Amino acid sequence: MTAPQTRGRWVAIVTGAISILIAVAYLVLITVLDSRGPLLPPPPEAMGLGASASPLASVAAAPASADAATAPPLG
């Protein structure tokens, strides 16, 4: 083999080894991230919403009475 062919062969071997190392590191990273469990949505506070800004909070805080559905609103 001539010198340029030998150099090209070493470049190919080193490049292939780097590629395999990156692939193995990627698989290890994905395995570690998957082993942490399912992703959960962030709490409302993380999005700048307070407890009173949630539409469900006002529904849950309303008192439930038997005549609330039949009585007309006052005023």
PDB file of N, CA and C in Angstrom:
ATOM      1  N   MET A   1       0.833  -1.180   0.000  1.00  0.00           N
ATOM      2  CA  MET A   1       0.000   0.000   0.000  1.00  0.00           C
ATOM      3  C   MET A   1       0.874   1.238   0.000  1.00  0.00           C
ATOM      4  N   THR A   2       0.342   2.261  -0.609  1.00  0.00           N
ATOM      5  CA  THR A   2       1.068   3.520  -0.614  1.00  0.00           C
ATOM      6  C   THR A   2       0.683   4.323   0.618  1.00  0.00           C
ATOM      7  N   ALA A   3       1.401   5.382   0.871  1.00  0.00           N
ATOM      8  CA  ALA A   3       1.186   6.198   2.057  1.00  0.00           C
ATOM      9  C   ALA A   3      -0.207   6.825   2.090  1.00  0.00           C
ATOM     10  N   PRO A   4      -0.744   7.393   1.008  1.00  0.00           N
ATOM     11  CA  PRO A   4      -2.095   7.972   1.074  1.00  0.00           C
ATOM     12  C   PRO A   4      -3.170   6.923   1.364  1.00  0.00           C
ATOM     13  N   GLN A   5      -2.987   5.691   0.841  1.00  0.00           N
ATOM     14  CA  GLN A   5      -3.974   4.654   1.117  1.00  0.00           C
ATOM     15  C   GLN A   5      -3.935   4.224   2.578  1.00  0.00           C
ATOM     16  N   THR A   6      -2.753   4.154   3.145  1.00  0.00           N
ATOM     17  CA  THR A   6      -2.617   3.777   4.550  1.00  0.00           C
ATOM     18  C   THR A   6      -3.242   4.840   5.449  1.00  0.00           C
ATOM     19  N   ARG A   7      -2.976   6.091   5.121  1.00  0.00           N
ATOM     20  CA  ARG A   7      -3.552   7.187   5.911  1.00  0.00           C
ATOM     21  C   ARG A   7      -5.073   7.176   5.799  1.00  0.00           C
ATOM     22  N   GLY A   8      -5.606   6.970   4.617  1.00  0.00           N
ATOM     23  CA  GLY A   8      -7.055   6.917   4.415  1.00  0.00           C
ATOM     24  C   GLY A   8      -7.699   5.759   5.162  1.00  0.00           C
ATOM     25  N   ARG A   9      -6.977   4.662   5.213  1.00  0.00           N
ATOM     26  CA  ARG A   9      -7.504   3.508   5.940  1.00  0.00           C
ATOM     27  C   ARG A   9      -7.590   3.817   7.438  1.00  0.00           C
ATOM     28  N   TRP A  10      -6.574   4.477   8.008  1.00  0.00           N
ATOM     29  CA  TRP A  10      -6.594   4.832   9.428  1.00  0.00           C
ATOM     30  C   TRP A  10      -7.683   5.859   9.716  1.00  0.00           C
ATOM     31  N   VAL A  11      -7.881   6.786   8.812  1.00  0.00           N
ATOM     32  CA  VAL A  11      -8.952   7.774   8.996  1.00  0.00           C
ATOM     33  C   VAL A  11     -10.307   7.062   9.028  1.00  0.00           C
ATOM     34  N   ALA A  12     -10.504   6.104   8.145  1.00  0.00           N
ATOM     35  CA  ALA A  12     -11.759   5.359   8.112  1.00  0.00           C
ATOM     36  C   ALA A  12     -11.957   4.548   9.391  1.00  0.00           C
ATOM     37  N   ILE A  13     -10.903   3.935   9.887  1.00  0.00           N
ATOM     38  CA  ILE A  13     -11.008   3.135  11.123  1.00  0.00           C
ATOM     39  C   ILE A  13     -11.332   4.033  12.312  1.00  0.00           C
ATOM     40  N   VAL A  14     -10.634   5.158  12.415  1.00  0.00           N
ATOM     41  CA  VAL A  14     -10.867   6.078  13.536  1.00  0.00           C
ATOM     42  C   VAL A  14     -12.272   6.670  13.449  1.00  0.00           C
ATOM     43  N   THR A  15     -12.697   7.046  12.263  1.00  0.00           N
ATOM     44  CA  THR A  15     -14.040   7.599  12.096  1.00  0.00           C
ATOM     45  C   THR A  15     -15.103   6.562  12.456  1.00  0.00           C
ATOM     46  N   GLY A  16     -14.919   5.338  12.036  1.00  0.00           N
ATOM     47  CA  GLY A  16     -15.857   4.268  12.379  1.00  0.00           C
ATOM     48  C   GLY A  16     -15.900   4.013  13.874  1.00  0.00           C
ATOM     49  N   ALA A  17     -14.737   4.036  14.527  1.00  0.00           N
ATOM     50  CA  ALA A  17     -14.703   3.826  15.981  1.00  0.00           C
ATOM     51  C   ALA A  17     -15.424   4.956  16.712  1.00  0.00           C
ATOM     52  N   ILE A  18     -15.213   6.179  16.263  1.00  0.00           N
ATOM     53  CA  ILE A  18     -15.905   7.320  16.887  1.00  0.00           C
ATOM     54  C   ILE A  18     -17.411   7.180  16.690  1.00  0.00           C
ATOM     55  N   SER A  19     -17.828   6.767  15.505  1.00  0.00           N
ATOM     56  CA  SER A  19     -19.250   6.587  15.222  1.00  0.00           C
ATOM     57  C   SER A  19     -19.860   5.523  16.126  1.00  0.00           C
ATOM     58  N   ILE A  20     -19.164   4.433  16.319  1.00  0.00           N
ATOM     59  CA  ILE A  20     -19.667   3.365  17.193  1.00  0.00           C
ATOM     60  C   ILE A  20     -19.729   3.840  18.638  1.00  0.00           C
ATOM     61  N   LEU A  21     -18.741   4.604  19.092  1.00  0.00           N
ATOM     62  CA  LEU A  21     -18.763   5.133  20.460  1.00  0.00           C
ATOM     63  C   LEU A  21     -19.940   6.083  20.668  1.00  0.00           C
ATOM     64  N   ILE A  22     -20.222   6.925  19.680  1.00  0.00           N
ATOM     65  CA  ILE A  22     -21.361   7.836  19.790  1.00  0.00           C
ATOM     66  C   ILE A  22     -22.666   7.034  19.841  1.00  0.00           C
ATOM     67  N   ALA A  23     -22.773   5.996  19.030  1.00  0.00           N
ATOM     68  CA  ALA A  23     -23.990   5.174  19.020  1.00  0.00           C
ATOM     69  C   ALA A  23     -24.194   4.472  20.363  1.00  0.00           C
ATOM     70  N   VAL A  24     -23.135   3.931  20.931  1.00  0.00           N
ATOM     71  CA  VAL A  24     -23.244   3.253  22.233  1.00  0.00           C
ATOM     72  C   VAL A  24     -23.594   4.260  23.325  1.00  0.00           C
ATOM     73  N   ALA A  25     -22.977   5.434  23.295  1.00  0.00           N
ATOM     74  CA  ALA A  25     -23.303   6.464  24.286  1.00  0.00           C
ATOM     75  C   ALA A  25     -24.763   6.890  24.165  1.00  0.00           C
ATOM     76  N   TYR A  26     -25.268   7.008  22.952  1.00  0.00           N
ATOM     77  CA  TYR A  26     -26.666   7.362  22.726  1.00  0.00           C
ATOM     78  C   TYR A  26     -27.591   6.287  23.302  1.00  0.00           C
ATOM     79  N   LEU A  27     -27.289   5.027  23.052  1.00  0.00           N
ATOM     80  CA  LEU A  27     -28.119   3.948  23.580  1.00  0.00           C
ATOM     81  C   LEU A  27     -28.114   3.922  25.108  1.00  0.00           C
ATOM     82  N   VAL A  28     -26.964   4.171  25.711  1.00  0.00           N
ATOM     83  CA  VAL A  28     -26.877   4.222  27.173  1.00  0.00           C
ATOM     84  C   VAL A  28     -27.700   5.392  27.706  1.00  0.00           C
ATOM     85  N   LEU A  29     -27.604   6.545  27.061  1.00  0.00           N
ATOM     86  CA  LEU A  29     -28.365   7.722  27.498  1.00  0.00           C
ATOM     87  C   LEU A  29     -29.864   7.465  27.396  1.00  0.00           C
ATOM     88  N   ILE A  30     -30.315   6.882  26.314  1.00  0.00           N
ATOM     89  CA  ILE A  30     -31.738   6.595  26.145  1.00  0.00           C
ATOM     90  C   ILE A  30     -32.207   5.567  27.172  1.00  0.00           C
ATOM     91  N   THR A  31     -31.390   4.577  27.469  1.00  0.00           N
ATOM     92  CA  THR A  31     -31.746   3.571  28.469  1.00  0.00           C
ATOM     93  C   THR A  31     -31.891   4.208  29.846  1.00  0.00           C
ATOM     94  N   VAL A  32     -30.981   5.095  30.201  1.00  0.00           N
ATOM     95  CA  VAL A  32     -31.054   5.769  31.506  1.00  0.00           C
ATOM     96  C   VAL A  32     -32.286   6.663  31.570  1.00  0.00           C
ATOM     97  N   LEU A  33     -32.564   7.408  30.509  1.00  0.00           N
ATOM     98  CA  LEU A  33     -33.720   8.300  30.524  1.00  0.00           C
ATOM     99  C   LEU A  33     -35.030   7.516  30.550  1.00  0.00           C
ATOM    100  N   ASP A  34     -35.100   6.386  29.866  1.00  0.00           N
ATOM    101  CA  ASP A  34     -36.316   5.580  29.877  1.00  0.00           C
ATOM    102  C   ASP A  34     -36.534   4.882  31.218  1.00  0.00           C
ATOM    103  N   SER A  35     -35.487   4.599  31.933  1.00  0.00           N
ATOM    104  CA  SER A  35     -35.627   3.888  33.203  1.00  0.00           C
ATOM    105  C   SER A  35     -36.159   4.783  34.320  1.00  0.00           C
ATOM    106  N   ARG A  36     -36.247   6.092  34.078  1.00  0.00           N
ATOM    107  CA  ARG A  36     -36.736   7.005  35.113  1.00  0.00           C
ATOM    108  C   ARG A  36     -38.239   6.972  35.264  1.00  0.00           C
ATOM    109  N   GLY A  37     -38.944   6.374  34.347  1.00  0.00           N
ATOM    110  CA  GLY A  37     -40.394   6.282  34.447  1.00  0.00           C
ATOM    111  C   GLY A  37     -41.058   7.185  33.433  1.00  0.00           C
ATOM    112  N   PRO A  38     -42.397   7.196  33.450  1.00  0.00           N
ATOM    113  CA  PRO A  38     -43.122   8.003  32.464  1.00  0.00           C
ATOM    114  C   PRO A  38     -42.991   9.497  32.767  1.00  0.00           C
ATOM    115  N   LEU A  39     -43.130  10.277  31.718  1.00  0.00           N
ATOM    116  CA  LEU A  39     -43.097  11.725  31.888  1.00  0.00           C
ATOM    117  C   LEU A  39     -44.432  12.194  32.450  1.00  0.00           C
ATOM    118  N   LEU A  40     -44.376  13.120  33.368  1.00  0.00           N
ATOM    119  CA  LEU A  40     -45.574  13.705  33.950  1.00  0.00           C
ATOM    120  C   LEU A  40     -45.670  15.154  33.516  1.00  0.00           C
ATOM    121  N   PRO A  41     -46.877  15.667  33.327  1.00  0.00           N
ATOM    122  CA  PRO A  41     -46.996  17.074  32.943  1.00  0.00           C
ATOM    123  C   PRO A  41     -46.563  17.966  34.098  1.00  0.00           C
ATOM    124  N   PRO A  42     -46.079  19.150  33.792  1.00  0.00           N
ATOM    125  CA  PRO A  42     -45.656  20.042  34.870  1.00  0.00           C
ATOM    126  C   PRO A  42     -46.857  20.543  35.658  1.00  0.00           C
ATOM    127  N   PRO A  43     -46.641  20.937  36.906  1.00  0.00           N
ATOM    128  CA  PRO A  43     -47.753  21.483  37.691  1.00  0.00           C
ATOM    129  C   PRO A  43     -48.176  22.837  37.120  1.00  0.00           C
ATOM    130  N   PRO A  44     -49.393  23.278  37.398  1.00  0.00           N
ATOM    131  CA  PRO A  44     -49.856  24.565  36.860  1.00  0.00           C
ATOM    132  C   PRO A  44     -48.981  25.738  37.291  1.00  0.00           C
ATOM    133  N   GLU A  45     -48.372  25.643  38.470  1.00  0.00           N
ATOM    134  CA  GLU A  45     -47.521  26.733  38.940  1.00  0.00           C
ATOM    135  C   GLU A  45     -46.312  26.939  38.043  1.00  0.00           C
ATOM    136  N   ALA A  46     -45.868  25.885  37.386  1.00  0.00           N
ATOM    137  CA  ALA A  46     -44.707  25.988  36.514  1.00  0.00           C
ATOM    138  C   ALA A  46     -45.017  26.794  35.267  1.00  0.00           C
ATOM    139  N   MET A  47     -46.285  26.898  34.908  1.00  0.00           N
ATOM    140  CA  MET A  47     -46.675  27.648  33.720  1.00  0.00           C
ATOM    141  C   MET A  47     -47.182  29.040  34.071  1.00  0.00           C
ATOM    142  N   GLY A  48     -46.995  29.447  35.300  1.00  0.00           N
ATOM    143  CA  GLY A  48     -47.410  30.778  35.721  1.00  0.00           C
ATOM    144  C   GLY A  48     -48.873  30.859  36.098  1.00  0.00           C
ATOM    145  N   LEU A  49     -49.518  29.746  36.244  1.00  0.00           N
ATOM    146  CA  LEU A  49     -50.923  29.744  36.632  1.00  0.00           C
ATOM    147  C   LEU A  49     -51.029  29.501  38.127  1.00  0.00           C
ATOM    148  N   GLY A  50     -51.844  30.304  38.772  1.00  0.00           N
ATOM    149  CA  GLY A  50     -52.077  30.101  40.192  1.00  0.00           C
ATOM    150  C   GLY A  50     -53.238  29.155  40.400  1.00  0.00           C
ATOM    151  N   ALA A  51     -53.528  28.824  41.637  1.00  0.00           N
ATOM    152  CA  ALA A  51     -54.617  27.912  41.937  1.00  0.00           C
ATOM    153  C   ALA A  51     -55.958  28.545  41.580  1.00  0.00           C
ATOM    154  N   SER A  52     -56.103  29.874  41.720  1.00  0.00           N
ATOM    155  CA  SER A  52     -57.370  30.528  41.419  1.00  0.00           C
ATOM    156  C   SER A  52     -57.572  30.726  39.923  1.00  0.00           C
ATOM    157  N   ALA A  53     -56.516  30.676  39.130  1.00  0.00           N
ATOM    158  CA  ALA A  53     -56.641  30.879  37.687  1.00  0.00           C
ATOM    159  C   ALA A  53     -57.106  29.630  36.972  1.00  0.00           C
ATOM    160  N   SER A  54     -57.093  28.505  37.641  1.00  0.00           N
ATOM    161  CA  SER A  54     -57.507  27.261  37.019  1.00  0.00           C
ATOM    162  C   SER A  54     -59.028  27.217  36.924  1.00  0.00           C
ATOM    163  N   PRO A  55     -59.597  26.905  35.756  1.00  0.00           N
ATOM    164  CA  PRO A  55     -61.056  26.850  35.652  1.00  0.00           C
ATOM    165  C   PRO A  55     -61.665  25.742  36.497  1.00  0.00           C
ATOM    166  N   LEU A  56     -60.927  24.681  36.731  1.00  0.00           N
ATOM    167  CA  LEU A  56     -61.448  23.595  37.549  1.00  0.00           C
ATOM    168  C   LEU A  56     -61.479  23.967  39.024  1.00  0.00           C
ATOM    169  N   ALA A  57     -60.618  24.883  39.451  1.00  0.00           N
ATOM    170  CA  ALA A  57     -60.579  25.263  40.855  1.00  0.00           C
ATOM    171  C   ALA A  57     -61.870  25.968  41.259  1.00  0.00           C
ATOM    172  N   SER A  58     -62.432  26.797  40.370  1.00  0.00           N
ATOM    173  CA  SER A  58     -63.666  27.487  40.721  1.00  0.00           C
ATOM    174  C   SER A  58     -64.847  26.527  40.739  1.00  0.00           C
ATOM    175  N   VAL A  59     -64.837  25.530  39.900  1.00  0.00           N
ATOM    176  CA  VAL A  59     -65.911  24.546  39.897  1.00  0.00           C
ATOM    177  C   VAL A  59     -65.826  23.678  41.142  1.00  0.00           C
ATOM    178  N   ALA A  60     -64.622  23.277  41.514  1.00  0.00           N
ATOM    179  CA  ALA A  60     -64.447  22.423  42.675  1.00  0.00           C
ATOM    180  C   ALA A  60     -64.733  23.183  43.964  1.00  0.00           C
ATOM    181  N   ALA A  61     -64.535  24.508  43.977  1.00  0.00           N
ATOM    182  CA  ALA A  61     -64.731  25.290  45.189  1.00  0.00           C
ATOM    183  C   ALA A  61     -66.192  25.678  45.379  1.00  0.00           C
ATOM    184  N   ALA A  62     -67.023  25.576  44.353  1.00  0.00           N
ATOM    185  CA  ALA A  62     -68.424  25.953  44.473  1.00  0.00           C
ATOM    186  C   ALA A  62     -69.156  24.947  45.353  1.00  0.00           C
ATOM    187  N   PRO A  63     -69.981  25.445  46.275  1.00  0.00           N
ATOM    188  CA  PRO A  63     -70.718  24.513  47.140  1.00  0.00           C
ATOM    189  C   PRO A  63     -71.788  23.792  46.332  1.00  0.00           C
ATOM    190  N   ALA A  64     -71.919  22.532  46.618  1.00  0.00           N
ATOM    191  CA  ALA A  64     -72.929  21.725  45.938  1.00  0.00           C
ATOM    192  C   ALA A  64     -74.129  21.588  46.856  1.00  0.00           C
ATOM    193  N   SER A  65     -75.247  22.194  46.466  1.00  0.00           N
ATOM    194  CA  SER A  65     -76.461  22.064  47.263  1.00  0.00           C
ATOM    195  C   SER A  65     -77.576  21.514  46.384  1.00  0.00           C
ATOM    196  N   ALA A  66     -78.577  20.972  47.001  1.00  0.00           N
ATOM    197  CA  ALA A  66     -79.657  20.344  46.253  1.00  0.00           C
ATOM    198  C   ALA A  66     -80.468  21.370  45.475  1.00  0.00           C
ATOM    199  N   ASP A  67     -80.678  22.566  46.073  1.00  0.00           N
ATOM    200  CA  ASP A  67     -81.519  23.555  45.391  1.00  0.00           C
ATOM    201  C   ASP A  67     -80.714  24.530  44.535  1.00  0.00           C
ATOM    202  N   ALA A  68     -79.413  24.343  44.417  1.00  0.00           N
ATOM    203  CA  ALA A  68     -78.590  25.255  43.622  1.00  0.00           C
ATOM    204  C   ALA A  68     -78.941  25.174  42.139  1.00  0.00           C
ATOM    205  N   ALA A  69     -79.326  24.006  41.674  1.00  0.00           N
ATOM    206  CA  ALA A  69     -79.632  23.854  40.255  1.00  0.00           C
ATOM    207  C   ALA A  69     -81.032  24.392  39.936  1.00  0.00           C
ATOM    208  N   THR A  70     -81.945  24.427  40.898  1.00  0.00           N
ATOM    209  CA  THR A  70     -83.304  24.860  40.614  1.00  0.00           C
ATOM    210  C   THR A  70     -83.559  26.310  40.968  1.00  0.00           C
ATOM    211  N   ALA A  71     -82.783  26.879  41.858  1.00  0.00           N
ATOM    212  CA  ALA A  71     -83.027  28.255  42.290  1.00  0.00           C
ATOM    213  C   ALA A  71     -82.493  29.229  41.246  1.00  0.00           C
ATOM    214  N   PRO A  72     -83.277  30.253  40.902  1.00  0.00           N
ATOM    215  CA  PRO A  72     -82.756  31.244  39.944  1.00  0.00           C
ATOM    216  C   PRO A  72     -81.678  32.104  40.596  1.00  0.00           C
ATOM    217  N   PRO A  73     -80.765  32.649  39.814  1.00  0.00           N
ATOM    218  CA  PRO A  73     -79.700  33.492  40.411  1.00  0.00           C
ATOM    219  C   PRO A  73     -80.311  34.780  40.960  1.00  0.00           C
ATOM    220  N   LEU A  74     -79.699  35.248  42.028  1.00  0.00           N
ATOM    221  CA  LEU A  74     -80.182  36.477  42.666  1.00  0.00           C
ATOM    222  C   LEU A  74     -79.622  37.685  41.924  1.00  0.00           C
ATOM    223  N   GLY A  75     -80.425  38.740  41.833  1.00  0.00           N
ATOM    224  CA  GLY A  75     -79.956  40.010  41.298  1.00  0.00           C
ATOM    225  C   GLY A  75     -80.082  40.100  39.885  1.00  0.00           C
TER     226      GLY A  75
END
